[in-house]
Amino acid sequence: MGMKTTFICPYCFEKHKLSEVQFRCTNKRCKDFDDVEMTKYENGNLKMPKQGKKTFSVPSKNAFSVPQSAKCPECGNTTYKHVCPSCHNELPESTLTGKDMIISVVGSRATGKSHFVGVIIKELRDRISVSFG
C-alpha cells in the first residue's frame, strides 16, 4: 500500500490533496474576516457571513505530509490549526495521517438512523470493548 497523498474531509466529504490543507490563525488579536467557505458549509446565507480568523495555505515540502505549523500572513503568529480548504472546519490529526475511518448512514427522514447509531455505540461499548479489556 502506497503512502497517502489525499484526504477526505470528515465534515464536507470533499477529497483534497494533502498539499492543499490550509491553516487558520489562532491569535485572538488577529483581524476577523468573512469566512465565505464556512458560511456556505453551515447555512449558505452569504448576506450574513460567518466571521473567522484568516485561513491560508503554505507550501508543502512533499506530497505525503503536511507542515505541522505555519505563520499567519496577517499577524505573524504561529498556528497549528489545520483546516479543510472547502469548508474551513478544523481537521483532526487522524484525517491527515490516514488513520481515520468515515462511516456514513444514509436514509430518509424518520427511518431510524439515529437509533441505529445509538444501538451500534451501545453494542460496541457493552460487548466489543469488554473483549479488549
N, C-alpha and C. Protein backbone atom coordinates (compact mmCIF):
# COMPACT_ATOMS: atom_id res chain seq x y z
N MET A 1 0.84 -1.17 0.00
CA MET A 1 0.00 0.00 0.00
C MET A 1 0.89 1.23 0.00
N GLY A 2 0.65 2.18 -0.92
CA GLY A 2 1.45 3.39 -1.04
C GLY A 2 1.14 4.39 0.06
N MET A 3 1.97 5.41 0.11
CA MET A 3 1.76 6.46 1.10
C MET A 3 0.57 7.32 0.69
N LYS A 4 -0.12 7.83 1.68
CA LYS A 4 -1.32 8.63 1.46
C LYS A 4 -0.95 10.02 0.95
N THR A 5 -1.61 10.47 -0.13
CA THR A 5 -1.38 11.82 -0.66
C THR A 5 -2.67 12.63 -0.69
N THR A 6 -3.79 11.99 -0.35
CA THR A 6 -5.08 12.69 -0.34
C THR A 6 -5.80 12.43 0.97
N PHE A 7 -6.83 13.22 1.22
CA PHE A 7 -7.69 13.01 2.39
C PHE A 7 -9.11 13.40 2.02
N ILE A 8 -10.06 12.88 2.79
CA ILE A 8 -11.46 13.25 2.64
C ILE A 8 -11.86 13.97 3.92
N CYS A 9 -12.39 15.18 3.77
CA CYS A 9 -12.81 15.96 4.94
C CYS A 9 -13.95 15.23 5.64
N PRO A 10 -13.87 15.04 6.97
CA PRO A 10 -14.94 14.34 7.68
C PRO A 10 -16.20 15.20 7.86
N TYR A 11 -16.16 16.45 7.44
CA TYR A 11 -17.32 17.34 7.57
C TYR A 11 -18.05 17.52 6.24
N CYS A 12 -17.32 17.91 5.19
CA CYS A 12 -17.97 18.19 3.90
C CYS A 12 -17.77 17.06 2.89
N PHE A 13 -16.95 16.07 3.22
CA PHE A 13 -16.68 14.89 2.39
C PHE A 13 -16.01 15.21 1.05
N GLU A 14 -15.39 16.38 0.95
CA GLU A 14 -14.64 16.73 -0.27
C GLU A 14 -13.27 16.07 -0.21
N LYS A 15 -12.80 15.61 -1.35
CA LYS A 15 -11.48 14.98 -1.44
C LYS A 15 -10.45 16.04 -1.85
N HIS A 16 -9.32 16.06 -1.14
CA HIS A 16 -8.25 17.02 -1.41
C HIS A 16 -6.89 16.35 -1.35
N LYS A 17 -5.92 16.98 -1.98
CA LYS A 17 -4.53 16.57 -1.82
C LYS A 17 -4.05 17.08 -0.47
N LEU A 18 -3.13 16.35 0.17
CA LEU A 18 -2.56 16.81 1.43
C LEU A 18 -1.91 18.19 1.27
N SER A 19 -1.36 18.45 0.11
CA SER A 19 -0.70 19.73 -0.13
C SER A 19 -1.67 20.90 -0.17
N GLU A 20 -2.98 20.63 -0.21
CA GLU A 20 -4.00 21.69 -0.24
C GLU A 20 -4.50 22.08 1.14
N VAL A 21 -4.07 21.38 2.18
CA VAL A 21 -4.52 21.69 3.54
C VAL A 21 -4.20 23.14 3.87
N GLN A 22 -5.14 23.80 4.52
CA GLN A 22 -4.93 25.19 4.92
C GLN A 22 -4.77 25.27 6.43
N PHE A 23 -4.32 26.43 6.89
CA PHE A 23 -4.19 26.73 8.31
C PHE A 23 -5.13 27.86 8.66
N ARG A 24 -5.52 27.93 9.95
CA ARG A 24 -6.31 29.05 10.45
C ARG A 24 -5.53 29.70 11.59
N CYS A 25 -5.43 31.01 11.54
CA CYS A 25 -4.75 31.74 12.61
C CYS A 25 -5.51 31.55 13.92
N THR A 26 -4.78 31.46 15.02
CA THR A 26 -5.40 31.28 16.34
C THR A 26 -5.15 32.47 17.26
N ASN A 27 -4.51 33.51 16.74
CA ASN A 27 -4.22 34.70 17.54
C ASN A 27 -5.49 35.51 17.73
N LYS A 28 -5.91 35.70 18.98
CA LYS A 28 -7.15 36.44 19.26
C LYS A 28 -7.08 37.89 18.79
N ARG A 29 -5.87 38.42 18.66
CA ARG A 29 -5.72 39.81 18.23
C ARG A 29 -5.73 39.96 16.71
N CYS A 30 -5.63 38.86 16.00
CA CYS A 30 -5.64 38.90 14.54
C CYS A 30 -7.05 39.29 14.06
N LYS A 31 -7.09 40.01 12.97
CA LYS A 31 -8.34 40.51 12.41
C LYS A 31 -9.27 39.36 12.00
N ASP A 32 -10.58 39.56 12.21
CA ASP A 32 -11.58 38.62 11.73
C ASP A 32 -11.94 38.95 10.28
N PHE A 33 -12.23 37.91 9.51
CA PHE A 33 -12.60 38.05 8.11
C PHE A 33 -13.94 37.36 7.88
N ASP A 34 -14.63 37.74 6.81
CA ASP A 34 -15.81 37.00 6.39
C ASP A 34 -15.33 35.64 5.87
N ASP A 35 -15.81 34.58 6.48
CA ASP A 35 -15.41 33.23 6.07
C ASP A 35 -16.49 32.66 5.16
N VAL A 36 -16.36 32.91 3.88
CA VAL A 36 -17.37 32.51 2.90
C VAL A 36 -17.52 30.99 2.84
N GLU A 37 -16.40 30.26 2.87
CA GLU A 37 -16.47 28.80 2.78
C GLU A 37 -17.19 28.20 3.98
N MET A 38 -16.88 28.68 5.19
CA MET A 38 -17.56 28.18 6.39
C MET A 38 -19.04 28.56 6.35
N THR A 39 -19.33 29.75 5.87
CA THR A 39 -20.73 30.19 5.77
C THR A 39 -21.50 29.28 4.81
N LYS A 40 -20.93 28.98 3.67
CA LYS A 40 -21.58 28.08 2.71
C LYS A 40 -21.82 26.71 3.33
N TYR A 41 -20.84 26.23 4.09
CA TYR A 41 -20.97 24.91 4.72
C TYR A 41 -22.07 24.92 5.79
N GLU A 42 -22.10 25.96 6.62
CA GLU A 42 -23.02 25.97 7.75
C GLU A 42 -24.45 26.34 7.38
N ASN A 43 -24.64 27.43 6.63
CA ASN A 43 -26.02 27.83 6.35
C ASN A 43 -26.23 28.42 4.97
N GLY A 44 -25.18 28.76 4.27
CA GLY A 44 -25.30 29.27 2.91
C GLY A 44 -25.78 30.70 2.79
N ASN A 45 -26.04 31.38 3.90
CA ASN A 45 -26.53 32.76 3.85
C ASN A 45 -25.35 33.72 3.74
N LEU A 46 -24.95 34.04 2.51
CA LEU A 46 -23.79 34.89 2.30
C LEU A 46 -24.06 36.35 2.64
N LYS A 47 -25.34 36.70 2.88
CA LYS A 47 -25.66 38.07 3.31
C LYS A 47 -25.23 38.31 4.75
N MET A 48 -25.12 37.22 5.51
CA MET A 48 -24.66 37.30 6.91
C MET A 48 -23.52 36.31 7.08
N PRO A 49 -22.35 36.59 6.51
CA PRO A 49 -21.25 35.62 6.56
C PRO A 49 -20.70 35.42 7.97
N LYS A 50 -20.29 34.20 8.23
CA LYS A 50 -19.66 33.86 9.50
C LYS A 50 -18.29 34.52 9.56
N GLN A 51 -17.94 35.04 10.71
CA GLN A 51 -16.64 35.67 10.92
C GLN A 51 -15.65 34.64 11.43
N GLY A 52 -14.43 34.74 10.98
CA GLY A 52 -13.40 33.82 11.43
C GLY A 52 -12.02 34.39 11.18
N LYS A 53 -11.04 33.78 11.80
CA LYS A 53 -9.65 34.20 11.59
C LYS A 53 -9.19 33.78 10.20
N LYS A 54 -8.16 34.41 9.75
CA LYS A 54 -7.59 34.21 8.41
C LYS A 54 -7.26 32.73 8.19
N THR A 55 -7.62 32.21 7.02
CA THR A 55 -7.17 30.88 6.60
C THR A 55 -6.21 31.08 5.44
N PHE A 56 -5.20 30.22 5.37
CA PHE A 56 -4.16 30.40 4.36
C PHE A 56 -3.45 29.09 4.09
N SER A 57 -2.82 29.02 2.93
CA SER A 57 -2.04 27.84 2.53
C SER A 57 -0.56 28.13 2.70
N VAL A 58 0.21 27.07 2.89
CA VAL A 58 1.67 27.18 2.91
C VAL A 58 2.21 26.08 2.00
N PRO A 59 3.37 26.33 1.38
CA PRO A 59 3.93 25.29 0.52
C PRO A 59 4.31 24.04 1.32
N SER A 60 4.00 22.88 0.75
CA SER A 60 4.34 21.61 1.39
C SER A 60 5.66 21.12 0.81
N LYS A 61 6.48 20.51 1.67
CA LYS A 61 7.78 20.00 1.21
C LYS A 61 7.63 18.80 0.29
N ASN A 62 6.58 18.01 0.51
CA ASN A 62 6.32 16.87 -0.36
C ASN A 62 4.83 16.55 -0.34
N ALA A 63 4.42 15.65 -1.21
CA ALA A 63 3.00 15.32 -1.35
C ALA A 63 2.49 14.40 -0.26
N PHE A 64 3.39 13.88 0.60
CA PHE A 64 3.00 12.88 1.59
C PHE A 64 2.85 13.43 3.00
N SER A 65 3.07 14.73 3.19
CA SER A 65 2.97 15.28 4.54
C SER A 65 2.47 16.71 4.51
N VAL A 66 2.02 17.14 5.67
CA VAL A 66 1.52 18.50 5.86
C VAL A 66 2.40 19.16 6.90
N PRO A 67 2.80 20.40 6.69
CA PRO A 67 3.58 21.09 7.74
C PRO A 67 2.80 21.11 9.06
N GLN A 68 3.51 20.97 10.17
CA GLN A 68 2.86 20.97 11.48
C GLN A 68 2.37 22.35 11.89
N SER A 69 3.06 23.38 11.41
CA SER A 69 2.70 24.74 11.80
C SER A 69 2.95 25.69 10.64
N ALA A 70 2.41 26.90 10.78
CA ALA A 70 2.61 27.93 9.76
C ALA A 70 2.46 29.30 10.42
N LYS A 71 3.06 30.30 9.81
CA LYS A 71 2.95 31.67 10.31
C LYS A 71 1.84 32.40 9.56
N CYS A 72 0.96 33.05 10.31
CA CYS A 72 -0.14 33.81 9.71
C CYS A 72 0.42 34.98 8.91
N PRO A 73 -0.02 35.14 7.67
CA PRO A 73 0.47 36.25 6.86
C PRO A 73 -0.04 37.62 7.34
N GLU A 74 -1.08 37.62 8.18
CA GLU A 74 -1.63 38.88 8.69
C GLU A 74 -0.89 39.38 9.92
N CYS A 75 -0.68 38.47 10.90
CA CYS A 75 -0.12 38.91 12.19
C CYS A 75 1.23 38.29 12.52
N GLY A 76 1.65 37.26 11.77
CA GLY A 76 2.93 36.62 12.03
C GLY A 76 2.91 35.57 13.13
N ASN A 77 1.75 35.33 13.74
CA ASN A 77 1.61 34.34 14.80
C ASN A 77 1.73 32.92 14.22
N THR A 78 2.36 32.02 14.97
CA THR A 78 2.45 30.62 14.56
C THR A 78 1.16 29.90 14.94
N THR A 79 0.60 29.16 14.00
CA THR A 79 -0.62 28.40 14.25
C THR A 79 -0.39 26.93 13.92
N TYR A 80 -1.11 26.08 14.63
CA TYR A 80 -1.04 24.63 14.42
C TYR A 80 -2.38 24.08 13.96
N LYS A 81 -3.34 24.96 13.68
CA LYS A 81 -4.70 24.53 13.36
C LYS A 81 -4.85 24.30 11.86
N HIS A 82 -5.03 23.02 11.48
CA HIS A 82 -5.23 22.64 10.08
C HIS A 82 -6.73 22.69 9.77
N VAL A 83 -7.08 23.24 8.60
CA VAL A 83 -8.49 23.32 8.21
C VAL A 83 -8.67 22.82 6.78
N CYS A 84 -9.89 22.36 6.50
CA CYS A 84 -10.25 21.90 5.16
C CYS A 84 -10.32 23.11 4.22
N PRO A 85 -9.75 23.00 3.03
CA PRO A 85 -9.82 24.11 2.09
C PRO A 85 -11.23 24.38 1.55
N SER A 86 -12.14 23.41 1.65
CA SER A 86 -13.50 23.60 1.13
C SER A 86 -14.46 24.20 2.15
N CYS A 87 -14.45 23.68 3.38
CA CYS A 87 -15.44 24.12 4.37
C CYS A 87 -14.83 24.87 5.55
N HIS A 88 -13.52 24.87 5.66
CA HIS A 88 -12.76 25.57 6.72
C HIS A 88 -13.00 25.01 8.12
N ASN A 89 -13.52 23.79 8.24
CA ASN A 89 -13.61 23.14 9.55
C ASN A 89 -12.23 22.61 9.92
N GLU A 90 -11.97 22.58 11.24
CA GLU A 90 -10.68 22.07 11.72
C GLU A 90 -10.58 20.57 11.43
N LEU A 91 -9.44 20.16 10.91
CA LEU A 91 -9.23 18.76 10.57
C LEU A 91 -8.58 18.00 11.71
N PRO A 92 -9.14 16.85 12.10
CA PRO A 92 -8.50 16.02 13.12
C PRO A 92 -7.16 15.50 12.60
N GLU A 93 -6.24 15.28 13.50
CA GLU A 93 -4.92 14.75 13.12
C GLU A 93 -5.05 13.43 12.38
N SER A 94 -6.00 12.60 12.80
CA SER A 94 -6.18 11.29 12.17
C SER A 94 -6.55 11.41 10.69
N THR A 95 -7.21 12.48 10.31
CA THR A 95 -7.55 12.70 8.90
C THR A 95 -6.29 12.92 8.08
N LEU A 96 -5.34 13.65 8.64
CA LEU A 96 -4.12 13.98 7.92
C LEU A 96 -3.11 12.84 7.92
N THR A 97 -3.19 11.95 8.89
CA THR A 97 -2.24 10.83 8.97
C THR A 97 -2.78 9.56 8.32
N GLY A 98 -4.03 9.59 7.89
CA GLY A 98 -4.61 8.42 7.23
C GLY A 98 -5.14 7.38 8.18
N LYS A 99 -5.35 7.75 9.45
CA LYS A 99 -5.82 6.80 10.45
C LYS A 99 -7.29 6.99 10.78
N ASP A 100 -8.01 7.72 9.93
CA ASP A 100 -9.42 7.94 10.20
C ASP A 100 -10.27 6.96 9.39
N MET A 101 -11.51 6.84 9.79
CA MET A 101 -12.44 5.98 9.09
C MET A 101 -13.79 6.71 9.06
N ILE A 102 -14.31 6.92 7.88
CA ILE A 102 -15.59 7.61 7.75
C ILE A 102 -16.66 6.57 7.45
N ILE A 103 -17.72 6.61 8.25
CA ILE A 103 -18.87 5.73 8.04
C ILE A 103 -20.09 6.63 7.88
N SER A 104 -20.78 6.50 6.79
CA SER A 104 -21.98 7.30 6.54
C SER A 104 -23.21 6.44 6.69
N VAL A 105 -24.22 7.01 7.32
CA VAL A 105 -25.51 6.35 7.45
C VAL A 105 -26.50 7.20 6.67
N VAL A 106 -27.10 6.61 5.65
CA VAL A 106 -27.97 7.35 4.75
C VAL A 106 -29.37 6.76 4.82
N GLY A 107 -30.37 7.63 4.81
CA GLY A 107 -31.75 7.17 4.81
C GLY A 107 -32.71 8.33 4.84
N SER A 108 -33.95 8.05 4.58
CA SER A 108 -34.99 9.08 4.60
C SER A 108 -35.23 9.56 6.02
N ARG A 109 -35.95 10.65 6.12
CA ARG A 109 -36.27 11.24 7.41
C ARG A 109 -37.12 10.26 8.23
N ALA A 110 -36.82 10.20 9.53
CA ALA A 110 -37.60 9.40 10.49
C ALA A 110 -37.60 7.90 10.17
N THR A 111 -36.45 7.38 9.72
CA THR A 111 -36.36 5.95 9.43
C THR A 111 -35.49 5.19 10.42
N GLY A 112 -34.98 5.88 11.46
CA GLY A 112 -34.23 5.19 12.50
C GLY A 112 -32.72 5.29 12.40
N LYS A 113 -32.20 6.25 11.66
CA LYS A 113 -30.74 6.39 11.52
C LYS A 113 -30.09 6.69 12.86
N SER A 114 -30.64 7.64 13.60
CA SER A 114 -30.06 8.00 14.91
C SER A 114 -30.18 6.84 15.89
N HIS A 115 -31.30 6.15 15.86
CA HIS A 115 -31.48 4.98 16.72
C HIS A 115 -30.44 3.91 16.38
N PHE A 116 -30.23 3.67 15.10
CA PHE A 116 -29.24 2.69 14.65
C PHE A 116 -27.85 3.04 15.18
N VAL A 117 -27.46 4.30 15.04
CA VAL A 117 -26.13 4.73 15.52
C VAL A 117 -26.04 4.55 17.03
N GLY A 118 -27.09 4.91 17.75
CA GLY A 118 -27.10 4.74 19.21
C GLY A 118 -26.94 3.28 19.62
N VAL A 119 -27.63 2.39 18.94
CA VAL A 119 -27.53 0.95 19.23
C VAL A 119 -26.12 0.45 18.93
N ILE A 120 -25.55 0.87 17.82
CA ILE A 120 -24.18 0.45 17.47
C ILE A 120 -23.20 0.90 18.55
N ILE A 121 -23.32 2.15 19.01
CA ILE A 121 -22.42 2.65 20.06
C ILE A 121 -22.57 1.83 21.33
N LYS A 122 -23.83 1.55 21.72
CA LYS A 122 -24.06 0.76 22.93
C LYS A 122 -23.47 -0.64 22.80
N GLU A 123 -23.67 -1.27 21.66
CA GLU A 123 -23.13 -2.62 21.45
C GLU A 123 -21.60 -2.61 21.47
N LEU A 124 -21.00 -1.60 20.86
CA LEU A 124 -19.53 -1.51 20.88
C LEU A 124 -19.02 -1.35 22.31
N ARG A 125 -19.71 -0.53 23.10
CA ARG A 125 -19.29 -0.32 24.50
C ARG A 125 -19.51 -1.58 25.34
N ASP A 126 -20.71 -2.16 25.24
CA ASP A 126 -21.09 -3.25 26.13
C ASP A 126 -20.51 -4.61 25.73
N ARG A 127 -20.42 -4.91 24.47
CA ARG A 127 -19.99 -6.24 24.05
C ARG A 127 -18.57 -6.27 23.50
N ILE A 128 -18.27 -5.40 22.58
CA ILE A 128 -16.98 -5.45 21.90
C ILE A 128 -15.85 -4.97 22.81
N SER A 129 -16.06 -3.84 23.50
CA SER A 129 -14.97 -3.30 24.33
C SER A 129 -14.62 -4.22 25.48
N VAL A 130 -15.57 -5.02 25.97
CA VAL A 130 -15.31 -5.98 27.05
C VAL A 130 -14.27 -7.00 26.60
N SER A 131 -14.33 -7.38 25.35
CA SER A 131 -13.38 -8.36 24.81
C SER A 131 -11.95 -7.84 24.80
N PHE A 132 -11.80 -6.52 24.75
CA PHE A 132 -10.46 -5.92 24.68
C PHE A 132 -10.01 -5.34 26.01
N GLY A 133 -10.78 -5.55 27.05
CA GLY A 133 -10.40 -5.10 28.38
C GLY A 133 -10.80 -3.72 28.61
